[in-house]
PDB file of N, CA and C in Angstrom:
ATOM      1  N   UNK A   1      -2.510 -25.687  13.692  1.00  0.00           N
ATOM      2  CA  UNK A   1      -2.547 -24.464  12.889  1.00  0.00           C
ATOM      3  C   UNK A   1      -3.648 -24.640  11.930  1.00  0.00           C
ATOM      4  N   UNK A   2      -4.072 -25.808  11.597  1.00  0.00           N
ATOM      5  CA  UNK A   2      -5.084 -26.017  10.514  1.00  0.00           C
ATOM      6  C   UNK A   2      -6.721 -25.493  11.244  1.00  0.00           C
ATOM      7  N   UNK A   3      -6.697 -25.725  12.259  1.00  0.00           N
ATOM      8  CA  UNK A   3      -8.010 -25.133  13.051  1.00  0.00           C
ATOM      9  C   UNK A   3      -8.024 -23.531  12.889  1.00  0.00           C
ATOM     10  N   UNK A   4      -6.753 -23.283  13.163  1.00  0.00           N
ATOM     11  CA  UNK A   4      -6.705 -21.575  13.087  1.00  0.00           C
ATOM     12  C   UNK A   4      -6.827 -21.326  11.681  1.00  0.00           C
ATOM     13  N   UNK A   5      -6.647 -21.747  10.588  1.00  0.00           N
ATOM     14  CA  UNK A   5      -6.782 -21.259   9.240  1.00  0.00           C
ATOM     15  C   UNK A   5      -8.320 -21.448   9.073  1.00  0.00           C
ATOM     16  N   UNK A   6      -8.826 -22.556   9.406  1.00  0.00           N
ATOM     17  CA  UNK A   6     -10.303 -22.528   9.240  1.00  0.00           C
ATOM     18  C   UNK A   6     -11.016 -21.563  10.090  1.00  0.00           C
ATOM     19  N   UNK A   7     -10.676 -21.170  11.307  1.00  0.00           N
ATOM     20  CA  UNK A   7     -11.391 -20.251  11.942  1.00  0.00           C
ATOM     21  C   UNK A   7     -11.000 -18.708  11.388  1.00  0.00           C
ATOM     22  N   UNK A   8      -9.919 -18.559  10.705  1.00  0.00           N
ATOM     23  CA  UNK A   8      -9.669 -17.274  10.391  1.00  0.00           C
ATOM     24  C   UNK A   8     -10.719 -17.096   9.129  1.00  0.00           C
ATOM     25  N   UNK A   9     -11.137 -15.493   8.901  1.00  0.00           N
ATOM     26  CA  UNK A   9     -11.922 -15.196   8.004  1.00  0.00           C
ATOM     27  C   UNK A   9     -11.459 -15.677   6.426  1.00  0.00           C
ATOM     28  N   UNK A  10     -12.271 -16.026   5.743  1.00  0.00           N
ATOM     29  CA  UNK A  10     -12.069 -16.275   4.226  1.00  0.00           C
ATOM     30  C   UNK A  10     -11.663 -14.957   3.431  1.00  0.00           C
ATOM     31  N   UNK A  11     -12.415 -14.066   3.960  1.00  0.00           N
ATOM     32  CA  UNK A  11     -12.242 -12.820   3.145  1.00  0.00           C
ATOM     33  C   UNK A  11     -11.631 -11.624   4.093  1.00  0.00           C
ATOM     34  N   UNK A  12     -10.740 -11.106   4.011  1.00  0.00           N
ATOM     35  CA  UNK A  12     -10.141 -10.251   4.934  1.00  0.00           C
ATOM     36  C   UNK A  12     -10.740  -8.742   4.735  1.00  0.00           C
ATOM     37  N   UNK A  13     -10.696  -8.204   5.939  1.00  0.00           N
ATOM     38  CA  UNK A  13     -11.424  -6.898   6.054  1.00  0.00           C
ATOM     39  C   UNK A  13     -10.319  -5.893   5.871  1.00  0.00           C
ATOM     40  N   UNK A  14     -10.447  -5.169   4.687  1.00  0.00           N
ATOM     41  CA  UNK A  14      -9.593  -4.160   4.140  1.00  0.00           C
ATOM     42  C   UNK A  14     -10.252  -2.925   4.525  1.00  0.00           C
ATOM     43  N   UNK A  15     -11.512  -2.808   5.263  1.00  0.00           N
ATOM     44  CA  UNK A  15     -12.232  -1.528   5.164  1.00  0.00           C
ATOM     45  C   UNK A  15     -11.313  -0.574   6.258  1.00  0.00           C
ATOM     46  N   UNK A  16     -10.661  -0.844   7.019  1.00  0.00           N
ATOM     47  CA  UNK A  16      -9.871   0.059   7.902  1.00  0.00           C
ATOM     48  C   UNK A  16      -8.764   0.889   6.968  1.00  0.00           C
ATOM     49  N   UNK A  17      -8.394   0.537   5.789  1.00  0.00           N
ATOM     50  CA  UNK A  17      -7.176   0.745   4.848  1.00  0.00           C
ATOM     51  C   UNK A  17      -7.914   1.594   3.874  1.00  0.00           C
ATOM     52  N   UNK A  18      -9.222   1.279   3.428  1.00  0.00           N
ATOM     53  CA  UNK A  18      -9.504   2.048   2.145  1.00  0.00           C
ATOM     54  C   UNK A  18      -9.938   3.488   2.163  1.00  0.00           C
ATOM     55  N   UNK A  19      -9.523   4.035   1.057  1.00  0.00           N
ATOM     56  CA  UNK A  19      -9.689   5.428   1.136  1.00  0.00           C
ATOM     57  C   UNK A  19      -8.711   6.188   0.204  1.00  0.00           C
ATOM     58  N   UNK A  20      -8.637   7.532   0.521  1.00  0.00           N
ATOM     59  CA  UNK A  20      -7.638   8.407  -0.170  1.00  0.00           C
ATOM     60  C   UNK A  20      -6.696   8.913   0.693  1.00  0.00           C
ATOM     61  N   UNK A  21      -5.386   9.063   0.235  1.00  0.00           N
ATOM     62  CA  UNK A  21      -4.553   9.571   1.027  1.00  0.00           C
ATOM     63  C   UNK A  21      -3.762  10.446   0.140  1.00  0.00           C
ATOM     64  N   UNK A  22      -3.028  11.602   0.708  1.00  0.00           N
ATOM     65  CA  UNK A  22      -2.607  12.815  -0.108  1.00  0.00           C
ATOM     66  C   UNK A  22      -1.210  12.774   0.551  1.00  0.00           C
ATOM     67  N   UNK A  23      -0.247  13.263  -0.331  1.00  0.00           N
ATOM     68  CA  UNK A  23       0.995  13.887   0.091  1.00  0.00           C
ATOM     69  C   UNK A  23       1.314  15.190  -0.678  1.00  0.00           C
ATOM     70  N   UNK A  24       1.905  15.976  -0.162  1.00  0.00           N
ATOM     71  CA  UNK A  24       1.933  17.459  -0.647  1.00  0.00           C
ATOM     72  C   UNK A  24       2.582  17.644  -1.867  1.00  0.00           C
ATOM     73  N   UNK A  25       3.509  16.654  -2.044  1.00  0.00           N
ATOM     74  CA  UNK A  25       4.151  16.635  -3.262  1.00  0.00           C
ATOM     75  C   UNK A  25       3.894  15.624  -4.451  1.00  0.00           C
ATOM     76  N   UNK A  26       3.609  14.588  -3.913  1.00  0.00           N
ATOM     77  CA  UNK A  26       3.363  13.405  -4.900  1.00  0.00           C
ATOM     78  C   UNK A  26       1.792  13.501  -5.235  1.00  0.00           C
ATOM     79  N   UNK A  27       1.010  13.883  -4.453  1.00  0.00           N
ATOM     80  CA  UNK A  27      -0.722  14.017  -4.597  1.00  0.00           C
ATOM     81  C   UNK A  27      -1.317  12.952  -4.111  1.00  0.00           C
ATOM     82  N   UNK A  28      -2.394  12.549  -4.721  1.00  0.00           N
ATOM     83  CA  UNK A  28      -3.293  11.694  -4.414  1.00  0.00           C
ATOM     84  C   UNK A  28      -3.038  10.116  -4.413  1.00  0.00           C
ATOM     85  N   UNK A  29      -2.976   9.241  -3.521  1.00  0.00           N
ATOM     86  CA  UNK A  29      -3.080   7.855  -3.838  1.00  0.00           C
ATOM     87  C   UNK A  29      -4.480   7.106  -3.111  1.00  0.00           C
ATOM     88  N   UNK A  30      -5.033   6.136  -3.954  1.00  0.00           N
ATOM     89  CA  UNK A  30      -6.135   5.639  -3.322  1.00  0.00           C
ATOM     90  C   UNK A  30      -5.903   4.101  -3.293  1.00  0.00           C
ATOM     91  N   UNK A  31      -6.414   3.585  -2.064  1.00  0.00           N
ATOM     92  CA  UNK A  31      -6.206   2.429  -1.716  1.00  0.00           C
ATOM     93  C   UNK A  31      -7.801   1.858  -1.647  1.00  0.00           C
ATOM     94  N   UNK A  32      -8.009   0.710  -2.496  1.00  0.00           N
ATOM     95  CA  UNK A  32      -9.263   0.264  -2.896  1.00  0.00           C
ATOM     96  C   UNK A  32      -9.251  -1.406  -2.772  1.00  0.00           C
ATOM     97  N   UNK A  33     -10.469  -1.684  -2.901  1.00  0.00           N
ATOM     98  CA  UNK A  33     -10.474  -3.211  -2.970  1.00  0.00           C
ATOM     99  C   UNK A  33     -11.073  -3.734  -4.134  1.00  0.00           C
ATOM    100  N   UNK A  34     -10.496  -4.574  -5.094  1.00  0.00           N
ATOM    101  CA  UNK A  34     -11.180  -5.183  -6.040  1.00  0.00           C
ATOM    102  C   UNK A  34     -11.273  -6.818  -6.041  1.00  0.00           C
ATOM    103  N   UNK A  35     -12.568  -7.022  -5.750  1.00  0.00           N
ATOM    104  CA  UNK A  35     -12.714  -8.532  -5.316  1.00  0.00           C
ATOM    105  C   UNK A  35     -12.256  -8.826  -4.211  1.00  0.00           C
ATOM    106  N   UNK A  36     -11.441  -9.901  -3.943  1.00  0.00           N
ATOM    107  CA  UNK A  36     -10.608 -10.123  -2.540  1.00  0.00           C
ATOM    108  C   UNK A  36      -9.361  -9.599  -2.528  1.00  0.00           C
ATOM    109  N   UNK A  37      -9.011  -8.649  -3.519  1.00  0.00           N
ATOM    110  CA  UNK A  37      -7.739  -8.160  -3.385  1.00  0.00           C
ATOM    111  C   UNK A  37      -7.564  -6.592  -2.859  1.00  0.00           C
ATOM    112  N   UNK A  38      -6.630  -6.088  -2.325  1.00  0.00           N
ATOM    113  CA  UNK A  38      -6.264  -4.749  -1.898  1.00  0.00           C
ATOM    114  C   UNK A  38      -5.272  -4.020  -2.875  1.00  0.00           C
ATOM    115  N   UNK A  39      -5.650  -2.912  -3.278  1.00  0.00           N
ATOM    116  CA  UNK A  39      -4.747  -2.152  -4.552  1.00  0.00           C
ATOM    117  C   UNK A  39      -4.581  -0.687  -4.132  1.00  0.00           C
ATOM    118  N   UNK A  40      -3.371  -0.200  -4.746  1.00  0.00           N
ATOM    119  CA  UNK A  40      -2.774   1.091  -4.436  1.00  0.00           C
ATOM    120  C   UNK A  40      -2.725   1.725  -5.805  1.00  0.00           C
ATOM    121  N   UNK A  41      -3.046   2.951  -6.172  1.00  0.00           N
ATOM    122  CA  UNK A  41      -3.309   3.670  -7.273  1.00  0.00           C
ATOM    123  C   UNK A  41      -2.906   5.184  -7.140  1.00  0.00           C
ATOM    124  N   UNK A  42      -1.909   5.670  -7.769  1.00  0.00           N
ATOM    125  CA  UNK A  42      -1.579   6.900  -7.793  1.00  0.00           C
ATOM    126  C   UNK A  42      -2.219   7.673  -8.894  1.00  0.00           C
ATOM    127  N   UNK A  43      -2.824   9.004  -8.414  1.00  0.00           N
ATOM    128  CA  UNK A  43      -3.661   9.813  -9.240  1.00  0.00           C
ATOM    129  C   UNK A  43      -2.672  10.408 -10.302  1.00  0.00           C
ATOM    130  N   UNK A  44      -1.692  10.919  -9.981  1.00  0.00           N
ATOM    131  CA  UNK A  44      -0.822  11.817 -10.893  1.00  0.00           C
ATOM    132  C   UNK A  44       0.041  10.927 -11.834  1.00  0.00           C
ATOM    133  N   UNK A  45       0.339   9.308 -11.566  1.00  0.00           N
ATOM    134  CA  UNK A  45       1.236   8.764 -12.254  1.00  0.00           C
ATOM    135  C   UNK A  45       0.354   7.304 -12.397  1.00  0.00           C
ATOM    136  N   UNK A  46      -0.344   7.448 -13.564  1.00  0.00           N
ATOM    137  CA  UNK A  46      -1.448   6.236 -13.813  1.00  0.00           C
ATOM    138  C   UNK A  46      -0.778   4.904 -13.967  1.00  0.00           C
ATOM    139  N   UNK A  47       0.630   4.818 -14.269  1.00  0.00           N
ATOM    140  CA  UNK A  47       1.133   3.787 -14.200  1.00  0.00           C
ATOM    141  C   UNK A  47       1.653   3.205 -12.997  1.00  0.00           C
ATOM    142  N   UNK A  48       1.747   3.700 -11.945  1.00  0.00           N
ATOM    143  CA  UNK A  48       1.767   3.422 -10.496  1.00  0.00           C
ATOM    144  C   UNK A  48       0.350   2.797  -9.939  1.00  0.00           C
ATOM    145  N   UNK A  49       0.459   1.547 -10.441  1.00  0.00           N
ATOM    146  CA  UNK A  49      -0.744   0.676  -9.764  1.00  0.00           C
ATOM    147  C   UNK A  49      -0.153  -0.449  -9.288  1.00  0.00           C
ATOM    148  N   UNK A  50      -0.775  -1.145  -7.940  1.00  0.00           N
ATOM    149  CA  UNK A  50      -0.176  -2.039  -7.423  1.00  0.00           C
ATOM    150  C   UNK A  50      -0.976  -2.960  -6.662  1.00  0.00           C
ATOM    151  N   UNK A  51      -0.797  -4.333  -6.568  1.00  0.00           N
ATOM    152  CA  UNK A  51      -1.336  -4.772  -5.481  1.00  0.00           C
ATOM    153  C   UNK A  51      -0.953  -4.651  -4.144  1.00  0.00           C
ATOM    154  N   UNK A  52      -1.475  -4.690  -3.057  1.00  0.00           N
ATOM    155  CA  UNK A  52      -1.074  -4.680  -1.622  1.00  0.00           C
ATOM    156  C   UNK A  52      -1.000  -6.210  -1.066  1.00  0.00           C
ATOM    157  N   UNK A  53      -0.170  -6.675  -1.021  1.00  0.00           N
ATOM    158  CA  UNK A  53      -0.072  -7.900  -0.408  1.00  0.00           C
ATOM    159  C   UNK A  53       0.305  -8.228   0.924  1.00  0.00           C
ATOM    160  N   UNK A  54      -0.336  -8.837   1.923  1.00  0.00           N
ATOM    161  CA  UNK A  54      -0.214  -8.667   3.247  1.00  0.00           C
ATOM    162  C   UNK A  54       1.345  -9.377   3.596  1.00  0.00           C
ATOM    163  N   UNK A  55       1.938  -8.468   4.379  1.00  0.00           N
ATOM    164  CA  UNK A  55       3.216  -8.841   4.859  1.00  0.00           C
ATOM    165  C   UNK A  55       3.203  -9.310   6.286  1.00  0.00           C
ATOM    166  N   UNK A  56       3.061  -8.346   7.204  1.00  0.00           N
ATOM    167  CA  UNK A  56       2.991  -8.387   8.605  1.00  0.00           C
ATOM    168  C   UNK A  56       2.299  -7.193   9.273  1.00  0.00           C
ATOM    169  N   UNK A  57       1.463  -7.758  10.108  1.00  0.00           N
ATOM    170  CA  UNK A  57       0.322  -6.651  10.767  1.00  0.00           C
ATOM    171  C   UNK A  57      -0.126  -5.593   9.620  1.00  0.00           C
ATOM    172  N   UNK A  58       0.150  -4.649   9.975  1.00  0.00           N
ATOM    173  CA  UNK A  58      -0.418  -3.672   8.930  1.00  0.00           C
ATOM    174  C   UNK A  58       0.561  -2.952   7.882  1.00  0.00           C
ATOM    175  N   UNK A  59       1.551  -4.051   7.843  1.00  0.00           N
ATOM    176  CA  UNK A  59       2.330  -3.785   6.666  1.00  0.00           C
ATOM    177  C   UNK A  59       2.230  -4.618   5.624  1.00  0.00           C
ATOM    178  N   UNK A  60       2.035  -4.110   4.342  1.00  0.00           N
ATOM    179  CA  UNK A  60       1.849  -4.526   3.038  1.00  0.00           C
ATOM    180  C   UNK A  60       2.952  -4.447   2.133  1.00  0.00           C
ATOM    181  N   UNK A  61       3.203  -5.566   1.167  1.00  0.00           N
ATOM    182  CA  UNK A  61       4.128  -5.182   0.008  1.00  0.00           C
ATOM    183  C   UNK A  61       3.274  -4.858  -1.316  1.00  0.00           C
ATOM    184  N   UNK A  62       3.587  -3.372  -1.786  1.00  0.00           N
ATOM    185  CA  UNK A  62       2.840  -3.317  -3.169  1.00  0.00           C
ATOM    186  C   UNK A  62       3.710  -3.676  -4.153  1.00  0.00           C
ATOM    187  N   UNK A  63       3.253  -4.627  -4.870  1.00  0.00           N
ATOM    188  CA  UNK A  63       3.653  -5.221  -6.078  1.00  0.00           C
ATOM    189  C   UNK A  63       3.099  -4.424  -7.488  1.00  0.00           C
ATOM    190  N   UNK A  64       3.963  -3.726  -8.043  1.00  0.00           N
ATOM    191  CA  UNK A  64       3.534  -3.064  -9.034  1.00  0.00           C
ATOM    192  C   UNK A  64       2.961  -3.798 -10.533  1.00  0.00           C
ATOM    193  N   UNK A  65       1.946  -3.457 -10.714  1.00  0.00           N
ATOM    194  CA  UNK A  65       1.449  -4.125 -11.961  1.00  0.00           C
ATOM    195  C   UNK A  65       1.988  -4.198 -13.262  1.00  0.00           C
ATOM    196  N   UNK A  66       2.438  -2.909 -13.568  1.00  0.00           N
ATOM    197  CA  UNK A  66       3.243  -2.724 -15.014  1.00  0.00           C
ATOM    198  C   UNK A  66       4.833  -3.010 -14.597  1.00  0.00           C
ATOM    199  N   UNK A  67       5.225  -4.130 -14.773  1.00  0.00           N
ATOM    200  CA  UNK A  67       6.686  -4.605 -14.732  1.00  0.00           C
ATOM    201  C   UNK A  67       7.607  -3.904 -15.726  1.00  0.00           C
ATOM    202  N   UNK A  68       7.078  -3.117 -16.646  1.00  0.00           N
ATOM    203  CA  UNK A  68       8.006  -3.054 -17.765  1.00  0.00           C
ATOM    204  C   UNK A  68       8.886  -1.745 -17.521  1.00  0.00           C
ATOM    205  N   UNK A  69       8.504  -0.913 -16.311  1.00  0.00           N
ATOM    206  CA  UNK A  69       9.548   0.071 -15.957  1.00  0.00           C
ATOM    207  C   UNK A  69      10.200  -0.288 -14.900  1.00  0.00           C
ATOM    208  N   UNK A  70      11.180   0.185 -14.399  1.00  0.00           N
ATOM    209  CA  UNK A  70      12.185  -0.273 -13.503  1.00  0.00           C
ATOM    210  C   UNK A  70      11.728   0.452 -12.056  1.00  0.00           C
ATOM    211  N   UNK A  71      10.579   0.221 -11.794  1.00  0.00           N
ATOM    212  CA  UNK A  71      10.022   0.726 -10.241  1.00  0.00           C
ATOM    213  C   UNK A  71      10.302  -0.708  -9.302  1.00  0.00           C
ATOM    214  N   UNK A  72      10.917  -0.361  -8.179  1.00  0.00           N
ATOM    215  CA  UNK A  72      10.912  -1.497  -7.119  1.00  0.00           C
ATOM    216  C   UNK A  72       9.655  -1.375  -6.375  1.00  0.00           C
ATOM    217  N   UNK A  73       9.342  -2.609  -5.988  1.00  0.00           N
ATOM    218  CA  UNK A  73       8.156  -2.914  -5.148  1.00  0.00           C
ATOM    219  C   UNK A  73       8.578  -2.287  -3.740  1.00  0.00           C
ATOM    220  N   UNK A  74       7.406  -1.942  -2.971  1.00  0.00           N
ATOM    221  CA  UNK A  74       7.789  -1.278  -1.776  1.00  0.00           C
ATOM    222  C   UNK A  74       6.944  -1.812  -0.585  1.00  0.00           C
ATOM    223  N   UNK A  75       7.466  -1.698   0.552  1.00  0.00           N
ATOM    224  CA  UNK A  75       6.661  -1.823   1.885  1.00  0.00           C
ATOM    225  C   UNK A  75       5.847  -0.782   1.926  1.00  0.00           C
ATOM    226  N   UNK A  76       4.849  -0.985   2.507  1.00  0.00           N
ATOM    227  CA  UNK A  76       3.579   0.065   2.658  1.00  0.00           C
ATOM    228  C   UNK A  76       3.010  -0.129   4.107  1.00  0.00           C
ATOM    229  N   UNK A  77       3.363   0.515   5.016  1.00  0.00           N
ATOM    230  CA  UNK A  77       2.997   0.446   6.351  1.00  0.00           C
ATOM    231  C   UNK A  77       1.837   1.367   6.842  1.00  0.00           C
ATOM    232  N   UNK A  78       0.826   0.774   7.192  1.00  0.00           N
ATOM    233  CA  UNK A  78      -0.340   1.773   7.544  1.00  0.00           C
ATOM    234  C   UNK A  78      -0.215   2.132   8.879  1.00  0.00           C
ATOM    235  N   UNK A  79      -0.533   3.511   9.590  1.00  0.00           N
ATOM    236  CA  UNK A  79      -0.715   3.898  10.961  1.00  0.00           C
ATOM    237  C   UNK A  79      -2.141   3.953  11.388  1.00  0.00           C
ATOM    238  N   UNK A  80      -2.384   3.163  12.194  1.00  0.00           N
ATOM    239  CA  UNK A  80      -3.892   3.109  12.634  1.00  0.00           C
ATOM    240  C   UNK A  80      -4.224   4.162  13.808  1.00  0.00           C
ATOM    241  N   UNK A  81      -5.545   4.829  13.602  1.00  0.00           N
ATOM    242  CA  UNK A  81      -5.741   5.624  14.807  1.00  0.00           C
ATOM    243  C   UNK A  81      -6.401   4.786  15.804  1.00  0.00           C
ATOM    244  N   UNK A  82      -6.992   5.533  16.912  1.00  0.00           N
ATOM    245  CA  UNK A  82      -7.576   4.675  18.015  1.00  0.00           C
ATOM    246  C   UNK A  82      -8.653   4.096  17.647  1.00  0.00           C
ATOM    247  N   UNK A  83      -9.180   4.369  16.801  1.00  0.00           N
ATOM    248  CA  UNK A  83     -10.368   3.333  16.107  1.00  0.00           C
ATOM    249  C   UNK A  83     -10.171   2.256  15.416  1.00  0.00           C
ATOM    250  N   UNK A  84      -8.634   1.954  14.938  1.00  0.00           N
ATOM    251  CA  UNK A  84      -8.413   1.116  14.216  1.00  0.00           C
ATOM    252  C   UNK A  84      -8.374   1.211  12.737  1.00  0.00           C
ATOM    253  N   UNK A  85      -8.556   2.771  12.307  1.00  0.00           N
ATOM    254  CA  UNK A  85      -8.741   3.042  10.979  1.00  0.00           C
ATOM    255  C   UNK A  85      -7.303   3.590  10.522  1.00  0.00           C
ATOM    256  N   UNK A  86      -7.031   3.363   9.363  1.00  0.00           N
ATOM    257  CA  UNK A  86      -5.790   3.980   8.849  1.00  0.00           C
ATOM    258  C   UNK A  86      -5.892   5.557   8.773  1.00  0.00           C
ATOM    259  N   UNK A  87      -4.983   6.141   9.381  1.00  0.00           N
ATOM    260  CA  UNK A  87      -4.738   7.553   9.211  1.00  0.00           C
ATOM    261  C   UNK A  87      -3.736   8.101   8.322  1.00  0.00           C
ATOM    262  N   UNK A  88      -2.723   7.186   8.101  1.00  0.00           N
ATOM    263  CA  UNK A  88      -1.596   7.632   7.238  1.00  0.00           C
ATOM    264  C   UNK A  88      -0.958   6.409   6.708  1.00  0.00           C
ATOM    265  N   UNK A  89      -0.016   6.302   5.693  1.00  0.00           N
ATOM    266  CA  UNK A  89       0.745   5.122   5.542  1.00  0.00           C
ATOM    267  C   UNK A  89       2.224   6.106   4.957  1.00  0.00           C
ATOM    268  N   UNK A  90       2.996   5.126   5.441  1.00  0.00           N
ATOM    269  CA  UNK A  90       4.667   5.275   4.897  1.00  0.00           C
ATOM    270  C   UNK A  90       4.870   4.183   4.123  1.00  0.00           C
ATOM    271  N   UNK A  91       6.058   4.417   3.334  1.00  0.00           N
ATOM    272  CA  UNK A  91       6.428   3.516   1.953  1.00  0.00           C
ATOM    273  C   UNK A  91       8.024   3.403   2.331  1.00  0.00           C
ATOM    274  N   UNK A  92       8.637   2.241   1.971  1.00  0.00           N
ATOM    275  CA  UNK A  92      10.130   2.116   1.693  1.00  0.00           C
ATOM    276  C   UNK A  92      10.239   0.991   0.772  1.00  0.00           C
ATOM    277  N   UNK A  93      11.212   1.086  -0.073  1.00  0.00           N
ATOM    278  CA  UNK A  93      11.684   0.107  -0.833  1.00  0.00           C
ATOM    279  C   UNK A  93      12.054  -0.973  -0.319  1.00  0.00           C
ATOM    280  N   UNK A  94      11.937  -2.334  -0.872  1.00  0.00           N
ATOM    281  CA  UNK A  94      12.301  -3.693  -0.376  1.00  0.00           C
ATOM    282  C   UNK A  94      13.617  -3.857  -0.268  1.00  0.00           C
ATOM    283  N   UNK A  95      14.068  -3.447  -1.625  1.00  0.00           N
ATOM    284  CA  UNK A  95      15.500  -3.864  -2.137  1.00  0.00           C
ATOM    285  C   UNK A  95      16.181  -2.310  -2.434  1.00  0.00           C
ATOM    286  N   UNK A  96      17.504  -2.324  -2.126  1.00  0.00           N
ATOM    287  CA  UNK A  96      18.201  -1.087  -2.379  1.00  0.00           C
ATOM    288  C   UNK A  96      17.822  -0.607  -3.709  1.00  0.00           C
ATOM    289  N   UNK A  97      18.054   0.709  -4.172  1.00  0.00           N
ATOM    290  CA  UNK A  97      17.486   1.273  -5.408  1.00  0.00           C
ATOM    291  C   UNK A  97      18.636   0.988  -6.389  1.00  0.00           C
ATOM    292  N   UNK A  98      17.857   0.554  -7.665  1.00  0.00           N
ATOM    293  CA  UNK A  98      18.934   0.048  -8.976  1.00  0.00           C
ATOM    294  C   UNK A  98      19.581   1.329  -9.236  1.00  0.00           C
ATOM    295  N   UNK A  99      20.708   1.084  -9.954  1.00  0.00           N
ATOM    296  CA  UNK A  99      21.890   2.167 -10.147  1.00  0.00           C
ATOM    297  C   UNK A  99      21.110   2.842 -11.132  1.00  0.00           C
ATOM    298  N   UNK A 100      21.229   4.291 -10.874  1.00  0.00           N
ATOM    299  CA  UNK A 100      20.853   5.349 -11.948  1.00  0.00           C
ATOM    300  C   UNK A 100      19.350   5.695 -11.678  1.00  0.00           C
ATOM    301  N   UNK A 101      18.608   5.159 -10.780  1.00  0.00           N
ATOM    302  CA  UNK A 101      17.352   5.472 -10.574  1.00  0.00           C
ATOM    303  C   UNK A 101      17.087   6.042  -9.317  1.00  0.00           C
ATOM    304  N   UNK A 102      15.832   6.601  -9.072  1.00  0.00           N
ATOM    305  CA  UNK A 102      15.652   7.290  -7.688  1.00  0.00           C
ATOM    306  C   UNK A 102      14.064   7.146  -7.472  1.00  0.00           C
ATOM    307  N   UNK A 103      13.949   6.223  -6.319  1.00  0.00           N
ATOM    308  CA  UNK A 103      12.465   5.855  -5.935  1.00  0.00           C
ATOM    309  C   UNK A 103      12.544   6.200  -4.557  1.00  0.00           C
ATOM    310  N   UNK A 104      12.059   7.578  -4.325  1.00  0.00           N
ATOM    311  CA  UNK A 104      12.029   8.120  -2.752  1.00  0.00           C
ATOM    312  C   UNK A 104      10.784   7.799  -2.214  1.00  0.00           C
ATOM    313  N   UNK A 105      10.363   6.569  -2.040  1.00  0.00           N
ATOM    314  CA  UNK A 105       9.121   6.221  -1.405  1.00  0.00           C
ATOM    315  C   UNK A 105       9.051   6.639   0.093  1.00  0.00           C
ATOM    316  N   UNK A 106      10.424   6.593   0.875  1.00  0.00           N
ATOM    317  CA  UNK A 106      10.450   6.651   2.080  1.00  0.00           C
ATOM    318  C   UNK A 106      10.168   8.373   2.363  1.00  0.00           C
ATOM    319  N   UNK A 107      10.336   9.000   1.500  1.00  0.00           N
ATOM    320  CA  UNK A 107       9.974  10.705   1.732  1.00  0.00           C
ATOM    321  C   UNK A 107       8.785  11.036   1.586  1.00  0.00           C
ATOM    322  N   UNK A 108       7.690   9.975   1.074  1.00  0.00           N
ATOM    323  CA  UNK A 108       6.110  10.421   0.975  1.00  0.00           C
ATOM    324  C   UNK A 108       5.556  10.324   2.399  1.00  0.00           C
ATOM    325  N   UNK A 109       4.885  11.373   2.604  1.00  0.00           N
ATOM    326  CA  UNK A 109       3.978  11.490   3.937  1.00  0.00           C
ATOM    327  C   UNK A 109       2.688  11.217   3.319  1.00  0.00           C
ATOM    328  N   UNK A 110       1.988  10.247   3.304  1.00  0.00           N
ATOM    329  CA  UNK A 110       0.538  10.127   2.788  1.00  0.00           C
ATOM    330  C   UNK A 110      -0.373  10.031   4.164  1.00  0.00           C
ATOM    331  N   UNK A 111      -1.110  11.107   4.217  1.00  0.00           N
ATOM    332  CA  UNK A 111      -2.473  11.225   5.167  1.00  0.00           C
ATOM    333  C   UNK A 111      -3.557  11.039   4.378  1.00  0.00           C
ATOM    334  N   UNK A 112      -4.566  10.575   5.527  1.00  0.00           N
ATOM    335  CA  UNK A 112      -5.721  10.324   4.969  1.00  0.00           C
ATOM    336  C   UNK A 112      -6.355  11.491   4.746  1.00  0.00           C
ATOM    337  N   UNK A 113      -7.408  11.384   3.518  1.00  0.00           N
ATOM    338  CA  UNK A 113      -8.183  12.591   3.091  1.00  0.00           C
ATOM    339  C   UNK A 113      -9.439  11.980   3.209  1.00  0.00           C
ATOM    340  N   UNK A 114     -10.174  13.004   3.894  1.00  0.00           N
ATOM    341  CA  UNK A 114     -11.666  12.341   4.158  1.00  0.00           C
ATOM    342  C   UNK A 114     -12.705  12.946   2.916  1.00  0.00           C
TER     343      UNK A 114
END
């Protein structure tokens, strides 16, 4: 285990995920790197900014930076094309929706924008 950890790159390669994605209803989302961290930011909702934390494979957990409003963290799964570059991303909440709120992350169809 220790040998595998030492052999693993110290800095993950996020380049396949970086870029702009668009949903027809929600608008643009940017996935960007800041230092060694991967981030998610919505253009139309400036408070929806979160760090993407590795979960499993091409799936990350977006942990929202602004914890003051009742938005649940979400899974973010990238679909890769034949070259290994993210072509789209789908989202879903990690926990059931809080009573009286509606976070329809699963309805977003975010496609990469060139």
